[in-house]
Amino acid sequence: MGNTDRPLSPHLQVYKPQLTAVLSILHRATGVFLVVGSLLLVCWLVALAEGPESYATVQGLLGSGIGRTLLLAWVFALFYHLCNGMRHLFWDMGLGFDMDTVYASGRFVVVVAITLTLITFALAYAIRGGAL
């Protein structure tokens, strides 16, 4: 019948994730996270419209450590999804399909998204007077 000691298909212990697959999954995940973050933005706007008490409650949540971490993740998701979307536009034009360019542009997208996120938070804290 055959050798039954070997696995029938590759599994996570032997599969090495490729950058292209990881970035594709991250693009989808950031899209979903942007939807969730947009709902949080709507909650913040509704609280703003309801008055000072509701606004203070939501602002307290967003100003907490968890809220700031979520905001940081949301801003990263926004920049990553934007930059990777522009990468996809180049692909739609038939540009950048050789493997060296695919990997270089993927790394570039991640570096730019992280850099823009850090710049955004640095500016936000500078505008607030440096208060954490």
C-alpha atoms as a PDB file:
ATOM      1  CA  MET A   1       0.000   0.000   0.000  1.00  0.00           C
ATOM      2  CA  GLY A   2       2.822   2.464   0.687  1.00  0.00           C
ATOM      3  CA  ASN A   3       4.763   4.191   3.398  1.00  0.00           C
ATOM      4  CA  THR A   4       2.294   5.398   6.063  1.00  0.00           C
ATOM      5  CA  ASP A   5       4.943   7.149   8.214  1.00  0.00           C
ATOM      6  CA  ARG A   6       5.171  10.265   6.098  1.00  0.00           C
ATOM      7  CA  PRO A   7       2.597  13.074   6.224  1.00  0.00           C
ATOM      8  CA  LEU A   8       0.010  13.241   3.448  1.00  0.00           C
ATOM      9  CA  SER A   9       0.514  16.939   2.863  1.00  0.00           C
ATOM     10  CA  PRO A  10       2.761  19.747   4.138  1.00  0.00           C
ATOM     11  CA  HIS A  11       1.848  21.074   7.553  1.00  0.00           C
ATOM     12  CA  LEU A  12       2.882  24.058   9.656  1.00  0.00           C
ATOM     13  CA  GLN A  13       5.967  22.329  11.048  1.00  0.00           C
ATOM     14  CA  VAL A  14       7.544  22.029   7.595  1.00  0.00           C
ATOM     15  CA  TYR A  15       5.963  24.965   5.742  1.00  0.00           C
ATOM     16  CA  LYS A  16       8.056  28.133   5.653  1.00  0.00           C
ATOM     17  CA  PRO A  17       5.778  31.149   5.114  1.00  0.00           C
ATOM     18  CA  GLN A  18       6.793  33.342   2.205  1.00  0.00           C
ATOM     19  CA  LEU A  19       6.852  37.132   2.441  1.00  0.00           C
ATOM     20  CA  THR A  20       4.293  37.429  -0.352  1.00  0.00           C
ATOM     21  CA  ALA A  21       1.809  35.180   1.471  1.00  0.00           C
ATOM     22  CA  VAL A  22       2.312  36.980   4.792  1.00  0.00           C
ATOM     23  CA  LEU A  23       1.814  40.398   3.181  1.00  0.00           C
ATOM     24  CA  SER A  24      -1.296  39.189   1.370  1.00  0.00           C
ATOM     25  CA  ILE A  25      -2.803  37.921   4.621  1.00  0.00           C
ATOM     26  CA  LEU A  26      -1.781  41.161   6.376  1.00  0.00           C
ATOM     27  CA  HIS A  27      -3.492  43.190   3.628  1.00  0.00           C
ATOM     28  CA  ARG A  28      -6.746  41.327   4.198  1.00  0.00           C
ATOM     29  CA  ALA A  29      -6.427  41.536   7.988  1.00  0.00           C
ATOM     30  CA  THR A  30      -5.762  45.283   7.921  1.00  0.00           C
ATOM     31  CA  GLY A  31      -8.830  45.731   5.710  1.00  0.00           C
ATOM     32  CA  VAL A  32     -10.988  43.979   8.294  1.00  0.00           C
ATOM     33  CA  PHE A  33      -9.338  45.926  11.120  1.00  0.00           C
ATOM     34  CA  LEU A  34     -10.032  49.197   9.292  1.00  0.00           C
ATOM     35  CA  VAL A  35     -13.735  48.340   9.253  1.00  0.00           C
ATOM     36  CA  VAL A  36     -13.674  47.682  13.013  1.00  0.00           C
ATOM     37  CA  GLY A  37     -11.721  50.900  13.588  1.00  0.00           C
ATOM     38  CA  SER A  38     -14.223  52.822  11.491  1.00  0.00           C
ATOM     39  CA  LEU A  39     -17.024  51.553  13.720  1.00  0.00           C
ATOM     40  CA  LEU A  40     -15.060  52.831  16.714  1.00  0.00           C
ATOM     41  CA  LEU A  41     -14.731  56.188  14.957  1.00  0.00           C
ATOM     42  CA  VAL A  42     -18.504  56.257  14.462  1.00  0.00           C
ATOM     43  CA  CYS A  43     -18.992  55.529  18.185  1.00  0.00           C
ATOM     44  CA  TRP A  44     -16.675  58.427  19.004  1.00  0.00           C
ATOM     45  CA  LEU A  45     -18.625  60.774  16.702  1.00  0.00           C
ATOM     46  CA  VAL A  46     -21.969  59.652  18.184  1.00  0.00           C
ATOM     47  CA  ALA A  47     -20.615  60.261  21.691  1.00  0.00           C
ATOM     48  CA  LEU A  48     -19.465  63.706  20.572  1.00  0.00           C
ATOM     49  CA  ALA A  49     -22.982  64.468  19.321  1.00  0.00           C
ATOM     50  CA  GLU A  50     -24.642  63.128  22.491  1.00  0.00           C
ATOM     51  CA  GLY A  51     -22.865  65.527  24.782  1.00  0.00           C
ATOM     52  CA  PRO A  52     -19.987  66.010  27.202  1.00  0.00           C
ATOM     53  CA  GLU A  53     -20.751  63.024  29.442  1.00  0.00           C
ATOM     54  CA  SER A  54     -20.835  60.476  26.598  1.00  0.00           C
ATOM     55  CA  TYR A  55     -17.832  62.078  24.965  1.00  0.00           C
ATOM     56  CA  ALA A  56     -15.815  61.928  28.195  1.00  0.00           C
ATOM     57  CA  THR A  57     -16.610  58.225  28.563  1.00  0.00           C
ATOM     58  CA  VAL A  58     -15.467  57.335  25.051  1.00  0.00           C
ATOM     59  CA  GLN A  59     -12.481  59.682  25.275  1.00  0.00           C
ATOM     60  CA  GLY A  60     -11.469  57.977  28.532  1.00  0.00           C
ATOM     61  CA  LEU A  61     -11.522  54.603  26.785  1.00  0.00           C
ATOM     62  CA  LEU A  62      -9.562  55.873  23.790  1.00  0.00           C
ATOM     63  CA  GLY A  63      -7.082  57.658  26.050  1.00  0.00           C
ATOM     64  CA  SER A  64      -6.327  54.509  28.039  1.00  0.00           C
ATOM     65  CA  GLY A  65      -3.378  52.269  27.264  1.00  0.00           C
ATOM     66  CA  ILE A  66      -5.616  49.786  25.440  1.00  0.00           C
ATOM     67  CA  GLY A  67      -7.296  52.579  23.485  1.00  0.00           C
ATOM     68  CA  ARG A  68      -3.983  54.082  22.413  1.00  0.00           C
ATOM     69  CA  THR A  69      -2.676  50.663  21.400  1.00  0.00           C
ATOM     70  CA  LEU A  70      -5.793  50.093  19.292  1.00  0.00           C
ATOM     71  CA  LEU A  71      -5.398  53.553  17.775  1.00  0.00           C
ATOM     72  CA  LEU A  72      -1.751  52.818  16.959  1.00  0.00           C
ATOM     73  CA  ALA A  73      -2.752  49.522  15.326  1.00  0.00           C
ATOM     74  CA  TRP A  74      -5.552  51.244  13.412  1.00  0.00           C
ATOM     75  CA  VAL A  75      -3.209  53.944  12.086  1.00  0.00           C
ATOM     76  CA  PHE A  76      -0.681  51.280  11.047  1.00  0.00           C
ATOM     77  CA  ALA A  77      -3.473  49.324   9.339  1.00  0.00           C
ATOM     78  CA  LEU A  78      -4.522  52.475   7.499  1.00  0.00           C
ATOM     79  CA  PHE A  79      -1.016  53.241   6.238  1.00  0.00           C
ATOM     80  CA  TYR A  80      -0.191  49.612   5.409  1.00  0.00           C
ATOM     81  CA  HIS A  81      -3.440  49.110   3.511  1.00  0.00           C
ATOM     82  CA  LEU A  82      -2.914  52.396   1.640  1.00  0.00           C
ATOM     83  CA  CYS A  83       0.704  51.649   0.675  1.00  0.00           C
ATOM     84  CA  ASN A  84       0.019  48.046  -0.258  1.00  0.00           C
ATOM     85  CA  GLY A  85      -3.012  49.169  -2.259  1.00  0.00           C
ATOM     86  CA  MET A  86      -0.749  51.475  -4.280  1.00  0.00           C
ATOM     87  CA  ARG A  87       1.582  48.505  -4.802  1.00  0.00           C
ATOM     88  CA  HIS A  88      -1.388  46.584  -6.175  1.00  0.00           C
ATOM     89  CA  LEU A  89      -2.169  49.466  -8.539  1.00  0.00           C
ATOM     90  CA  PHE A  90       1.295  49.069 -10.042  1.00  0.00           C
ATOM     91  CA  TRP A  91       0.619  45.360 -10.405  1.00  0.00           C
ATOM     92  CA  ASP A  92      -2.676  46.169 -12.138  1.00  0.00           C
ATOM     93  CA  MET A  93      -0.613  48.092 -14.699  1.00  0.00           C
ATOM     94  CA  GLY A  94       1.586  45.020 -15.175  1.00  0.00           C
ATOM     95  CA  LEU A  95       4.588  46.490 -13.356  1.00  0.00           C
ATOM     96  CA  GLY A  96       6.785  44.926 -10.672  1.00  0.00           C
ATOM     97  CA  PHE A  97       6.051  41.240 -11.119  1.00  0.00           C
ATOM     98  CA  ASP A  98       9.614  39.903 -11.125  1.00  0.00           C
ATOM     99  CA  MET A  99      10.373  38.245  -7.794  1.00  0.00           C
ATOM    100  CA  ASP A 100      13.142  40.655  -6.767  1.00  0.00           C
ATOM    101  CA  THR A 101      10.809  43.627  -7.243  1.00  0.00           C
ATOM    102  CA  VAL A 102       7.926  41.840  -5.494  1.00  0.00           C
ATOM    103  CA  TYR A 103      10.043  41.231  -2.407  1.00  0.00           C
ATOM    104  CA  ALA A 104      11.679  44.679  -2.471  1.00  0.00           C
ATOM    105  CA  SER A 105       8.336  46.468  -2.834  1.00  0.00           C
ATOM    106  CA  GLY A 106       6.833  44.312  -0.066  1.00  0.00           C
ATOM    107  CA  ARG A 107       9.611  45.241   2.353  1.00  0.00           C
ATOM    108  CA  PHE A 108       9.327  48.875   1.249  1.00  0.00           C
ATOM    109  CA  VAL A 109       5.589  48.917   1.981  1.00  0.00           C
ATOM    110  CA  VAL A 110       6.137  47.589   5.518  1.00  0.00           C
ATOM    111  CA  VAL A 111       8.950  50.082   6.251  1.00  0.00           C
ATOM    112  CA  VAL A 112       6.943  53.022   4.883  1.00  0.00           C
ATOM    113  CA  ALA A 113       3.816  52.015   6.837  1.00  0.00           C
ATOM    114  CA  ILE A 114       5.780  51.740  10.093  1.00  0.00           C
ATOM    115  CA  THR A 115       7.572  55.042   9.415  1.00  0.00           C
ATOM    116  CA  LEU A 116       4.346  56.912   8.625  1.00  0.00           C
ATOM    117  CA  THR A 117       2.703  55.459  11.741  1.00  0.00           C
ATOM    118  CA  LEU A 118       5.572  56.600  13.967  1.00  0.00           C
ATOM    119  CA  ILE A 119       5.643  60.060  12.359  1.00  0.00           C
ATOM    120  CA  THR A 120       1.885  60.415  12.842  1.00  0.00           C
ATOM    121  CA  PHE A 121       2.103  59.514  16.527  1.00  0.00           C
ATOM    122  CA  ALA A 122       5.153  61.730  17.084  1.00  0.00           C
ATOM    123  CA  LEU A 123       3.297  64.670  15.528  1.00  0.00           C
ATOM    124  CA  ALA A 124       0.142  63.920  17.502  1.00  0.00           C
ATOM    125  CA  TYR A 125       2.036  63.867  20.779  1.00  0.00           C
ATOM    126  CA  ALA A 126       3.986  66.995  19.836  1.00  0.00           C
ATOM    127  CA  ILE A 127       0.746  68.836  19.082  1.00  0.00           C
ATOM    128  CA  ARG A 128      -0.669  67.731  22.452  1.00  0.00           C
ATOM    129  CA  GLY A 129       2.382  69.206  24.160  1.00  0.00           C
ATOM    130  CA  GLY A 130       4.214  65.899  24.503  1.00  0.00           C
ATOM    131  CA  ALA A 131       1.742  64.475  27.023  1.00  0.00           C
ATOM    132  CA  LEU A 132       1.371  60.721  26.995  1.00  0.00           C
END
